[in-house]
């Protein structure tokens, strides 16, 4: 049994980020390039964590209200 979307230390690659957020993978890559998503490049690969993404989602929903 393999965890296709989550790395062992609870980090998500772009495919995992897309699945987690319900976005298309290409959208995730575009947002990463534009600096719109909370993620770090580690050894040349993008990664983020569910905690970072949850915080980002909370901020996004706040911006759309009022």
N, C-alpha and C. Protein backbone atom coordinates (compact mmCIF):
# COMPACT_ATOMS: atom_id res chain seq x y z
N UNK A 1 0.85 -1.19 0.00
CA UNK A 1 0.00 0.00 0.00
C UNK A 1 0.89 1.24 0.00
N UNK A 2 0.72 2.09 -0.98
CA UNK A 2 1.54 3.30 -1.06
C UNK A 2 0.68 4.54 -0.89
N UNK A 3 1.28 5.55 -0.30
CA UNK A 3 0.62 6.84 -0.19
C UNK A 3 1.03 7.67 -1.40
N UNK A 4 0.19 7.68 -2.39
CA UNK A 4 0.55 8.34 -3.65
C UNK A 4 0.65 9.85 -3.48
N UNK A 5 -0.13 10.44 -2.59
CA UNK A 5 -0.21 11.89 -2.53
C UNK A 5 0.55 12.50 -1.37
N UNK A 6 0.84 11.74 -0.33
CA UNK A 6 1.48 12.32 0.84
C UNK A 6 2.85 11.73 1.08
N UNK A 7 3.82 12.59 1.25
CA UNK A 7 5.16 12.13 1.60
C UNK A 7 5.13 11.69 3.07
N UNK A 8 6.10 10.90 3.49
CA UNK A 8 6.09 10.36 4.85
C UNK A 8 6.01 11.41 5.94
N UNK A 9 6.61 12.58 5.72
CA UNK A 9 6.60 13.61 6.77
C UNK A 9 5.42 14.56 6.64
N UNK A 10 4.34 14.07 6.09
CA UNK A 10 3.09 14.83 6.02
C UNK A 10 3.17 16.03 5.08
N UNK A 11 4.08 16.00 4.10
CA UNK A 11 4.12 17.06 3.11
C UNK A 11 3.43 16.58 1.84
N UNK A 12 2.91 17.55 1.10
CA UNK A 12 2.19 17.25 -0.13
C UNK A 12 2.98 17.78 -1.31
N UNK A 13 3.06 16.98 -2.37
CA UNK A 13 3.64 17.47 -3.62
C UNK A 13 2.53 18.17 -4.39
N UNK A 14 2.84 18.79 -5.55
CA UNK A 14 1.79 19.51 -6.28
C UNK A 14 0.56 18.66 -6.59
N UNK A 15 0.76 17.39 -6.90
CA UNK A 15 -0.39 16.52 -7.16
C UNK A 15 -1.23 16.37 -5.89
N UNK A 16 -0.56 16.22 -4.77
CA UNK A 16 -1.25 16.11 -3.49
C UNK A 16 -1.95 17.40 -3.10
N UNK A 17 -1.29 18.53 -3.39
CA UNK A 17 -1.89 19.84 -3.12
C UNK A 17 -3.17 19.99 -3.94
N UNK A 18 -3.11 19.61 -5.21
CA UNK A 18 -4.28 19.69 -6.08
C UNK A 18 -5.42 18.84 -5.53
N UNK A 19 -5.11 17.63 -5.13
CA UNK A 19 -6.13 16.73 -4.58
C UNK A 19 -6.70 17.31 -3.28
N UNK A 20 -5.83 17.83 -2.44
CA UNK A 20 -6.23 18.37 -1.14
C UNK A 20 -7.16 19.57 -1.29
N UNK A 21 -6.82 20.45 -2.25
CA UNK A 21 -7.60 21.68 -2.44
C UNK A 21 -8.76 21.51 -3.42
N UNK A 22 -8.74 20.40 -4.17
CA UNK A 22 -9.78 20.21 -5.19
C UNK A 22 -9.52 21.07 -6.42
N UNK A 23 -8.25 21.42 -6.66
CA UNK A 23 -7.88 22.20 -7.83
C UNK A 23 -7.32 21.28 -8.90
N UNK A 24 -7.30 21.77 -10.14
CA UNK A 24 -6.61 21.05 -11.21
C UNK A 24 -5.11 21.19 -10.96
N UNK A 25 -4.37 20.15 -11.30
CA UNK A 25 -2.92 20.16 -11.06
C UNK A 25 -2.23 21.33 -11.75
N UNK A 26 -2.68 21.68 -12.97
CA UNK A 26 -2.07 22.80 -13.70
C UNK A 26 -2.32 24.12 -12.96
N UNK A 27 -3.48 24.25 -12.35
CA UNK A 27 -3.79 25.45 -11.57
C UNK A 27 -2.82 25.56 -10.40
N UNK A 28 -2.58 24.44 -9.74
CA UNK A 28 -1.64 24.43 -8.61
C UNK A 28 -0.26 24.88 -9.07
N UNK A 29 0.22 24.32 -10.18
CA UNK A 29 1.54 24.72 -10.68
C UNK A 29 1.58 26.21 -11.01
N UNK A 30 0.50 26.74 -11.60
CA UNK A 30 0.46 28.16 -11.93
C UNK A 30 0.51 29.00 -10.65
N UNK A 31 -0.30 28.62 -9.66
CA UNK A 31 -0.32 29.34 -8.39
C UNK A 31 1.04 29.28 -7.70
N UNK A 32 1.71 28.12 -7.79
CA UNK A 32 3.04 27.99 -7.18
C UNK A 32 4.03 28.94 -7.86
N UNK A 33 4.00 28.97 -9.18
CA UNK A 33 4.90 29.87 -9.92
C UNK A 33 4.63 31.33 -9.57
N UNK A 34 3.35 31.66 -9.38
CA UNK A 34 2.97 33.05 -9.11
C UNK A 34 3.08 33.41 -7.63
N UNK A 35 3.47 32.43 -6.81
CA UNK A 35 3.62 32.69 -5.38
C UNK A 35 2.31 32.81 -4.64
N UNK A 36 1.24 32.24 -5.19
CA UNK A 36 -0.08 32.36 -4.58
C UNK A 36 -0.38 31.28 -3.55
N UNK A 37 0.41 30.21 -3.54
CA UNK A 37 0.18 29.12 -2.59
C UNK A 37 1.34 29.03 -1.61
N UNK A 38 1.05 28.66 -0.36
CA UNK A 38 2.13 28.49 0.62
C UNK A 38 2.86 27.18 0.37
N UNK A 39 4.04 27.26 -0.20
CA UNK A 39 4.81 26.06 -0.49
C UNK A 39 6.29 26.42 -0.55
N UNK A 40 7.13 25.43 -0.37
CA UNK A 40 8.57 25.61 -0.43
C UNK A 40 9.12 24.68 -1.49
N UNK A 41 10.23 25.10 -2.08
CA UNK A 41 10.94 24.19 -2.98
C UNK A 41 12.01 23.48 -2.17
N UNK A 42 11.92 22.17 -2.12
CA UNK A 42 12.90 21.36 -1.40
C UNK A 42 13.56 20.44 -2.41
N UNK A 43 14.88 20.59 -2.57
CA UNK A 43 15.61 19.82 -3.57
C UNK A 43 14.97 19.94 -4.94
N UNK A 44 14.51 21.15 -5.28
CA UNK A 44 13.95 21.40 -6.60
C UNK A 44 12.52 20.96 -6.78
N UNK A 45 11.89 20.48 -5.71
CA UNK A 45 10.49 20.03 -5.82
C UNK A 45 9.62 20.85 -4.87
N UNK A 46 8.45 21.22 -5.38
CA UNK A 46 7.49 21.95 -4.55
C UNK A 46 6.89 21.03 -3.51
N UNK A 47 6.72 21.56 -2.31
CA UNK A 47 5.95 20.83 -1.31
C UNK A 47 5.30 21.79 -0.33
N UNK A 48 4.20 21.32 0.23
CA UNK A 48 3.47 22.10 1.20
C UNK A 48 2.91 21.12 2.23
N UNK A 49 2.24 21.64 3.23
CA UNK A 49 1.64 20.76 4.23
C UNK A 49 0.15 21.09 4.35
N UNK A 50 -0.63 20.12 4.81
CA UNK A 50 -2.06 20.40 5.01
C UNK A 50 -2.28 21.59 5.94
N UNK A 51 -1.43 21.74 6.96
CA UNK A 51 -1.57 22.86 7.88
C UNK A 51 -1.39 24.20 7.16
N UNK A 52 -0.36 24.29 6.32
CA UNK A 52 -0.12 25.52 5.56
C UNK A 52 -1.31 25.81 4.65
N UNK A 53 -1.82 24.77 4.00
CA UNK A 53 -2.92 24.95 3.05
C UNK A 53 -4.20 25.34 3.78
N UNK A 54 -4.44 24.76 4.96
CA UNK A 54 -5.62 25.13 5.74
C UNK A 54 -5.58 26.60 6.14
N UNK A 55 -4.40 27.06 6.58
CA UNK A 55 -4.26 28.48 6.95
C UNK A 55 -4.50 29.37 5.74
N UNK A 56 -3.96 28.97 4.59
CA UNK A 56 -4.14 29.74 3.36
C UNK A 56 -5.61 29.81 2.98
N UNK A 57 -6.32 28.67 3.09
CA UNK A 57 -7.74 28.63 2.76
C UNK A 57 -8.54 29.55 3.66
N UNK A 58 -8.18 29.59 4.95
CA UNK A 58 -8.89 30.46 5.90
C UNK A 58 -8.71 31.92 5.48
N UNK A 59 -7.48 32.29 5.09
CA UNK A 59 -7.22 33.66 4.65
C UNK A 59 -7.99 33.98 3.38
N UNK A 60 -8.05 33.02 2.45
CA UNK A 60 -8.76 33.25 1.19
C UNK A 60 -10.23 33.49 1.44
N UNK A 61 -10.84 32.68 2.29
CA UNK A 61 -12.28 32.83 2.53
C UNK A 61 -12.55 34.17 3.21
N UNK A 62 -11.62 34.64 4.04
CA UNK A 62 -11.76 35.94 4.67
C UNK A 62 -11.75 37.07 3.66
N UNK A 63 -10.95 36.92 2.61
CA UNK A 63 -10.84 37.97 1.60
C UNK A 63 -12.11 38.09 0.77
N UNK A 64 -12.84 36.98 0.63
CA UNK A 64 -14.02 37.00 -0.22
C UNK A 64 -15.25 37.52 0.52
N UNK A 65 -15.17 37.59 1.84
CA UNK A 65 -16.30 38.09 2.62
C UNK A 65 -16.16 39.59 2.83
N UNK A 66 -17.31 40.28 2.81
CA UNK A 66 -17.30 41.72 3.09
C UNK A 66 -16.53 42.47 2.09
